[in-house]
């Protein structure tokens, strides 16, 4: 099987982190965002992954591919657009990479999505329903902010899509994971096209589109507030499925993921919902909760970080307070002497 991951966005909502790193390679749970998806695809039997990238992606993407092709024993290739093609156009551009004589369906994933990736279950769902296209949907509390998928509950067949409804029509939204027959590519022209607004409604009108309800958690982590929420959900999932990956100790509260190379001082209190990356140094008396601390960060004595993201190789000074969805980019230095940062982007 093959898969295509849509990674062509510019990551503007995750700036300043994406000034230093392409969005798919920004760390989440101590590994590049996109690696969560590639590992899940590998486990589901996918042997080739196509990354649909834009013309401004830097060479660091190539270095990532070289490293993880070997580590995962999976073929990873690029399909590079020279102008924006939306969410469907990249499939037409990559047609020759996705279609072969086997005629097997292929996965398409949005690179911002984090979940438990029940891809084997999706393959079975696709076969049972005889679908031309299957999409995963997830339930949300407030569907008015999303495009709602209206489906027939007994058959799982998609009937229509309603964009940001003013009145309640359902609470299931597109989760950004698809399984498509090669025939879907015949419906897509090589131009800027939306798979959600142009292609899927046509397939639904022919009664060939089905929706599988995604079990477990789901989050689009393409902006800081959702990244932080997604991290909490991800760590909770690890507790249920891979408890051994989380750390414990007198200074740990709740779900905490810490690289083994991290140095932690005395009298700290860390957690819940904290991720600390490789090579970090955490000074004595530090308080961390609901935050990400990326590779190479130094947090000095008695600093406190809450619901924020600290980018690579940054420093947070003594007694500093970093709160309320503050985002520090790469190599940012917060001074000593009780600096207070709330909701800032640096």
Protein backbone atom coordinates (compact mmCIF):
# COMPACT_ATOMS: atom_id res chain seq x y z
CA UNK A 1 0.00 0.00 0.00
CA UNK A 2 0.91 3.62 -0.52
CA UNK A 3 0.07 6.85 1.26
CA UNK A 4 0.28 10.58 0.65
CA UNK A 5 0.73 13.13 3.43
CA UNK A 6 -0.28 16.73 2.72
CA UNK A 7 2.56 18.85 4.11
CA UNK A 8 2.42 21.83 1.74
CA UNK A 9 1.24 24.48 4.22
CA UNK A 10 3.57 27.26 5.35
CA UNK A 11 2.90 26.81 9.08
CA UNK A 12 2.01 30.46 9.67
CA UNK A 13 -0.16 29.60 12.69
CA UNK A 14 2.81 27.92 14.43
CA UNK A 15 5.24 30.78 13.98
CA UNK A 16 7.85 31.47 15.28
CA UNK A 17 8.63 27.73 15.50
CA UNK A 18 8.17 27.36 11.74
CA UNK A 19 10.68 30.13 11.03
CA UNK A 20 13.35 27.61 12.08
CA UNK A 21 11.80 24.28 11.06
CA UNK A 22 9.23 23.13 8.46
CA UNK A 23 5.95 22.52 10.27
CA UNK A 24 5.94 18.71 9.70
CA UNK A 25 9.30 18.50 11.50
CA UNK A 26 8.34 20.58 14.53
CA UNK A 27 8.59 18.34 17.59
CA UNK A 28 5.46 16.88 19.15
CA UNK A 29 5.85 14.32 21.91
CA UNK A 30 9.64 14.38 21.36
CA UNK A 31 9.49 13.38 17.71
CA UNK A 32 8.71 15.26 14.49
CA UNK A 33 4.94 15.70 13.97
CA UNK A 34 4.99 13.80 10.69
CA UNK A 35 6.88 10.86 12.16
CA UNK A 36 3.82 9.90 14.24
CA UNK A 37 1.93 9.42 10.97
CA UNK A 38 4.70 7.64 9.08
CA UNK A 39 5.15 5.13 11.92
CA UNK A 40 1.40 4.47 12.00
CA UNK A 41 1.32 3.97 8.21
CA UNK A 42 4.26 1.56 8.44
CA UNK A 43 2.42 -0.45 11.11
CA UNK A 44 -0.64 -0.63 8.83
CA UNK A 45 1.35 -2.19 6.01
CA UNK A 46 2.17 0.88 3.93
CA UNK A 47 5.47 0.47 2.07
CA UNK A 48 5.73 3.86 0.34
CA UNK A 49 4.88 7.34 1.61
CA UNK A 50 4.68 10.37 -0.68
CA UNK A 51 5.16 13.77 0.95
CA UNK A 52 3.27 16.48 -0.94
CA UNK A 53 5.42 19.56 -0.30
CA UNK A 54 5.45 23.13 -1.56
CA UNK A 55 8.23 24.90 -3.43
CA UNK A 56 9.50 26.66 -0.29
CA UNK A 57 10.26 23.62 1.83
CA UNK A 58 13.96 23.72 2.83
CA UNK A 59 16.57 21.01 2.43
CA UNK A 60 16.05 19.86 6.02
CA UNK A 61 13.08 17.81 4.74
CA UNK A 62 15.46 15.85 2.54
CA UNK A 63 17.74 15.12 5.50
CA UNK A 64 14.72 13.87 7.48
CA UNK A 65 13.74 11.52 4.65
CA UNK A 66 17.23 10.08 4.35
CA UNK A 67 17.39 9.39 8.09
CA UNK A 68 13.98 7.79 8.56
CA UNK A 69 13.85 5.79 5.33
CA UNK A 70 16.67 3.73 6.81
CA UNK A 71 15.37 3.66 10.37
CA UNK A 72 11.85 2.57 9.41
CA UNK A 73 12.67 0.57 6.29
CA UNK A 74 10.02 2.43 4.29
CA UNK A 75 10.27 4.30 0.99
CA UNK A 76 9.65 8.05 1.32
CA UNK A 77 9.45 10.28 -1.77
CA UNK A 78 8.53 13.88 -2.54
CA UNK A 79 5.90 15.35 -4.82
CA UNK A 80 6.69 19.06 -5.07
CA UNK A 81 4.21 21.64 -6.28
CA UNK A 82 5.42 24.82 -8.00
CA UNK A 83 2.23 26.70 -7.17
CA UNK A 84 -0.45 26.18 -4.50
CA UNK A 85 -2.75 23.28 -5.44
CA UNK A 86 -5.09 23.15 -2.45
CA UNK A 87 -5.93 19.81 -0.81
CA UNK A 88 -6.87 17.84 -3.94
CA UNK A 89 -4.48 19.16 -6.59
CA UNK A 90 -1.45 17.51 -4.92
CA UNK A 91 -3.12 14.10 -5.44
CA UNK A 92 -3.36 14.73 -9.19
CA UNK A 93 0.26 15.88 -9.23
CA UNK A 94 1.40 12.70 -7.44
CA UNK A 95 -0.80 10.37 -9.51
CA UNK A 96 2.10 8.41 -11.02
CA UNK A 97 3.53 7.78 -7.54
CA UNK A 98 0.21 6.61 -6.07
CA UNK A 99 -1.18 4.34 -8.78
CA UNK A 100 0.30 0.99 -9.78
CA UNK A 101 -0.92 -2.27 -11.27
CA UNK A 102 -2.18 -3.54 -7.89
CA UNK A 103 -5.15 -1.16 -7.94
CA UNK A 104 -5.06 -0.95 -4.13
CA UNK A 105 -6.55 2.03 -2.30
CA UNK A 106 -4.15 4.56 -0.79
CA UNK A 107 -4.20 6.68 2.36
CA UNK A 108 -4.21 10.48 2.39
CA UNK A 109 -3.43 12.29 5.65
CA UNK A 110 -3.34 15.91 6.75
CA UNK A 111 0.03 16.41 8.45
CA UNK A 112 -1.46 18.50 11.31
CA UNK A 113 -3.62 15.66 12.64
CA UNK A 114 -2.66 13.72 15.77
CA UNK A 115 -4.71 10.74 16.98
CA UNK A 116 -4.32 6.99 17.58
CA UNK A 117 -4.44 6.25 13.81
CA UNK A 118 -6.67 3.14 13.58
CA UNK A 119 -5.57 2.55 9.99
CA UNK A 120 -5.97 -1.24 9.91
CA UNK A 121 -9.55 -0.81 11.08
CA UNK A 122 -10.06 1.76 8.32
CA UNK A 123 -8.86 -0.68 5.66
CA UNK A 124 -11.40 -3.23 6.88
CA UNK A 125 -14.14 -0.58 7.01
CA UNK A 126 -13.38 0.44 3.42
CA UNK A 127 -13.61 -3.15 2.20
CA UNK A 128 -16.83 -3.98 4.05
CA UNK A 129 -18.67 -0.92 2.74
CA UNK A 130 -17.42 -1.21 -0.84
CA UNK A 131 -16.58 2.49 -0.76
CA UNK A 132 -14.85 4.47 -3.47
CA UNK A 133 -13.65 6.79 -0.71
CA UNK A 134 -13.70 6.47 3.08
CA UNK A 135 -13.06 9.33 5.47
CA UNK A 136 -12.53 9.37 9.21
CA UNK A 137 -14.78 11.64 11.23
CA UNK A 138 -14.57 12.71 14.85
CA UNK A 139 -17.13 14.15 17.26
CA UNK A 140 -16.70 17.72 18.55
CA UNK A 141 -18.55 19.70 21.22
CA UNK A 142 -19.04 22.81 19.05
CA UNK A 143 -19.55 21.87 15.38
CA UNK A 144 -20.27 25.50 14.35
CA UNK A 145 -16.53 26.13 13.93
CA UNK A 146 -16.07 23.29 11.43
CA UNK A 147 -17.43 21.69 8.30
CA UNK A 148 -19.91 19.07 9.51
CA UNK A 149 -20.23 15.66 7.86
CA UNK A 150 -23.89 14.62 7.66
CA UNK A 151 -24.12 10.83 7.46
CA UNK A 152 -26.65 8.03 7.63
CA UNK A 153 -25.95 6.46 11.01
CA UNK A 154 -27.02 2.90 10.17
CA UNK A 155 -24.99 2.57 6.95
CA UNK A 156 -22.18 5.13 7.61
CA UNK A 157 -22.83 6.57 4.16
CA UNK A 158 -22.08 10.30 3.83
CA UNK A 159 -25.05 12.32 2.65
CA UNK A 160 -23.71 15.87 2.60
CA UNK A 161 -21.29 18.43 4.02
CA UNK A 162 -22.36 21.63 5.81
CA UNK A 163 -19.69 24.31 6.29
CA UNK A 164 -19.84 26.03 9.72
CA UNK A 165 -23.59 25.44 10.25
CA UNK A 166 -25.71 28.12 11.91
CA UNK A 167 -28.12 25.46 13.16
CA UNK A 168 -27.32 22.01 14.51
CA UNK A 169 -27.06 19.39 11.76
CA UNK A 170 -24.66 16.99 13.47
CA UNK A 171 -21.48 16.88 15.54
CA UNK A 172 -19.14 14.87 13.31
CA UNK A 173 -16.36 16.63 11.41
CA UNK A 174 -13.75 15.59 8.88
CA UNK A 175 -10.72 14.22 10.78
CA UNK A 176 -8.29 14.64 7.86
CA UNK A 177 -7.59 10.93 7.21
CA UNK A 178 -8.85 9.29 4.00
CA UNK A 179 -8.64 5.95 2.20
CA UNK A 180 -9.26 6.38 -1.53
CA UNK A 181 -9.59 4.06 -4.50
CA UNK A 182 -7.38 5.01 -7.49
CA UNK A 183 -10.55 5.97 -9.40
CA UNK A 184 -10.84 9.07 -7.20
CA UNK A 185 -7.81 10.48 -9.03
CA UNK A 186 -9.84 10.49 -12.25
CA UNK A 187 -12.09 13.07 -10.62
CA UNK A 188 -9.28 15.52 -9.81
CA UNK A 189 -7.86 18.05 -12.25
CA UNK A 190 -4.28 19.32 -11.93
CA UNK A 191 -5.19 22.73 -10.56
CA UNK A 192 -5.94 24.33 -7.22
CA UNK A 193 -8.76 22.15 -5.91
CA UNK A 194 -10.35 21.38 -2.54
CA UNK A 195 -10.94 17.70 -1.82
CA UNK A 196 -13.38 18.62 0.96
CA UNK A 197 -15.48 21.15 -0.99
CA UNK A 198 -15.26 19.88 -4.58
CA UNK A 199 -14.33 16.19 -4.76
CA UNK A 200 -15.99 14.57 -1.72
CA UNK A 201 -19.45 16.16 -2.29
CA UNK A 202 -19.50 14.69 -5.82
CA UNK A 203 -18.62 11.22 -4.54
CA UNK A 204 -21.23 11.56 -1.76
CA UNK A 205 -23.90 12.52 -4.33
CA UNK A 206 -23.19 9.18 -6.06
CA UNK A 207 -23.53 7.34 -2.72
CA UNK A 208 -19.93 6.09 -2.82
CA UNK A 209 -18.49 7.99 0.17
CA UNK A 210 -18.50 6.46 3.67
CA UNK A 211 -17.40 7.80 7.06
CA UNK A 212 -15.77 5.86 9.89
CA UNK A 213 -16.07 7.30 13.39
CA UNK A 214 -12.59 7.75 14.83
CA UNK A 215 -12.15 6.07 18.23
CA UNK A 216 -10.07 7.79 20.88
CA UNK A 217 -8.73 11.32 20.79
CA UNK A 218 -8.18 13.68 17.86
CA UNK A 219 -6.66 17.12 17.44
CA UNK A 220 -5.45 19.38 14.65
CA UNK A 221 -2.24 20.69 16.25
CA UNK A 222 -1.50 23.39 13.69
CA UNK A 223 -1.72 26.29 16.16
CA UNK A 224 -0.33 26.74 19.71
CA UNK A 225 -3.54 26.40 21.75
CA UNK A 226 -4.47 23.19 19.90
CA UNK A 227 -0.89 21.93 20.06
CA UNK A 228 -0.98 22.23 23.85
CA UNK A 229 -4.41 20.57 24.06
CA UNK A 230 -3.29 17.84 21.66
CA UNK A 231 -0.24 17.15 23.81
CA UNK A 232 -2.46 16.60 26.85
CA UNK A 233 -4.63 14.16 24.89
CA UNK A 234 -1.57 12.40 23.46
CA UNK A 235 0.03 11.93 26.88
CA UNK A 236 -3.26 10.59 28.25
CA UNK A 237 -3.30 8.09 25.38
CA UNK A 238 0.28 7.04 26.20
CA UNK A 239 -0.77 6.38 29.79
CA UNK A 240 -3.44 3.97 28.55
CA UNK A 241 -1.40 2.26 25.82
CA UNK A 242 2.35 2.75 26.50
CA UNK A 243 2.65 3.59 30.20
CA UNK A 244 6.34 2.65 30.20
CA UNK A 245 7.14 5.72 28.07
CA UNK A 246 6.07 8.11 30.84
CA UNK A 247 8.32 8.97 33.78
CA UNK A 248 7.53 8.71 37.48
CA UNK A 249 9.11 10.06 40.63
CA UNK A 250 8.62 12.23 43.70
CA UNK A 251 8.95 15.38 41.57
CA UNK A 252 6.54 14.16 38.84
CA UNK A 253 2.79 14.84 38.78
CA UNK A 254 0.54 13.15 36.21
CA UNK A 255 1.58 12.44 32.63
CA UNK A 256 5.14 13.53 31.85
CA UNK A 257 7.40 12.50 28.94
CA UNK A 258 11.12 13.20 29.44
CA UNK A 259 14.06 12.29 27.22
CA UNK A 260 16.62 10.16 29.06
CA UNK A 261 19.36 12.77 28.48
CA UNK A 262 17.58 15.50 30.47
CA UNK A 263 19.21 16.79 33.68
CA UNK A 264 16.73 17.83 36.40
CA UNK A 265 17.76 19.75 39.54
CA UNK A 266 16.53 19.35 43.10
CA UNK A 267 13.20 20.55 44.38
CA UNK A 268 11.43 20.66 41.00
CA UNK A 269 7.78 19.90 40.41
CA UNK A 270 7.02 18.75 36.88
CA UNK A 271 3.61 17.94 35.46
CA UNK A 272 0.97 17.21 34.62
CA UNK A 273 1.07 17.20 30.81
CA UNK A 274 4.71 18.09 30.20
CA UNK A 275 7.14 17.02 27.47
CA UNK A 276 10.89 17.70 27.83
CA UNK A 277 13.19 17.09 24.87
CA UNK A 278 16.79 15.83 24.55
CA UNK A 279 19.68 17.71 26.11
CA UNK A 280 17.59 19.99 28.32
CA UNK A 281 18.82 21.22 31.71
CA UNK A 282 16.17 22.00 34.32
CA UNK A 283 17.47 24.01 37.29
CA UNK A 284 16.55 23.56 40.94
CA UNK A 285 13.09 24.58 42.10
CA UNK A 286 11.60 24.80 38.61
CA UNK A 287 7.82 24.36 38.13
CA UNK A 288 6.52 23.03 34.80
CA UNK A 289 2.96 22.12 33.84
CA UNK A 290 1.03 21.86 30.59
CA UNK A 291 4.05 22.79 28.49
CA UNK A 292 6.55 21.62 25.88
CA UNK A 293 10.27 22.17 26.38
CA UNK A 294 12.13 21.34 23.17
CA UNK A 295 15.64 20.06 22.55
CA UNK A 296 18.60 21.90 24.12
CA UNK A 297 16.61 24.25 26.38
CA UNK A 298 17.98 25.52 29.69
CA UNK A 299 15.51 26.52 32.39
CA UNK A 300 17.21 28.28 35.29
CA UNK A 301 16.44 28.05 38.97
CA UNK A 302 12.89 28.69 40.23
CA UNK A 303 11.44 29.53 36.82
CA UNK A 304 7.82 28.56 36.17
CA UNK A 305 6.38 27.59 32.77
CA UNK A 306 2.67 26.90 32.23
CA UNK A 307 0.62 26.14 29.09
CA UNK A 308 3.39 27.33 26.81
CA UNK A 309 5.92 26.12 24.21
CA UNK A 310 9.66 26.72 24.63
CA UNK A 311 11.52 26.30 21.32
CA UNK A 312 14.88 24.68 20.67
CA UNK A 313 18.04 25.94 22.41
CA UNK A 314 16.23 28.67 24.35
CA UNK A 315 16.89 29.82 27.90
CA UNK A 316 14.37 30.80 30.56
CA UNK A 317 15.98 32.89 33.31
CA UNK A 318 15.86 32.59 37.08
CA UNK A 319 12.45 33.28 38.64
CA UNK A 320 10.97 33.99 35.19
CA UNK A 321 7.28 33.26 34.61
CA UNK A 322 6.18 32.01 31.17
CA UNK A 323 2.41 31.58 31.10
CA UNK A 324 -0.78 31.52 29.05
CA UNK A 325 0.22 30.06 25.66
CA UNK A 326 3.48 31.95 25.30
CA UNK A 327 5.55 30.59 22.40
CA UNK A 328 9.31 31.04 22.36
CA UNK A 329 10.99 30.32 19.03
CA UNK A 330 14.44 28.85 18.52
CA UNK A 331 17.30 30.34 20.57
CA UNK A 332 15.19 32.83 22.54
CA UNK A 333 16.57 34.02 25.87
CA UNK A 334 14.31 35.22 28.68
CA UNK A 335 16.36 37.19 31.19
CA UNK A 336 16.77 36.59 34.90
CA UNK A 337 15.17 38.92 37.45
CA UNK A 338 11.54 37.86 37.41
CA UNK A 339 10.52 38.49 33.79
CA UNK A 340 6.79 37.74 33.31
CA UNK A 341 5.58 36.60 29.89
CA UNK A 342 1.87 35.95 29.29
CA UNK A 343 0.51 35.02 25.88
CA UNK A 344 3.49 36.44 24.00
CA UNK A 345 5.13 35.13 20.85
CA UNK A 346 8.88 35.71 20.69
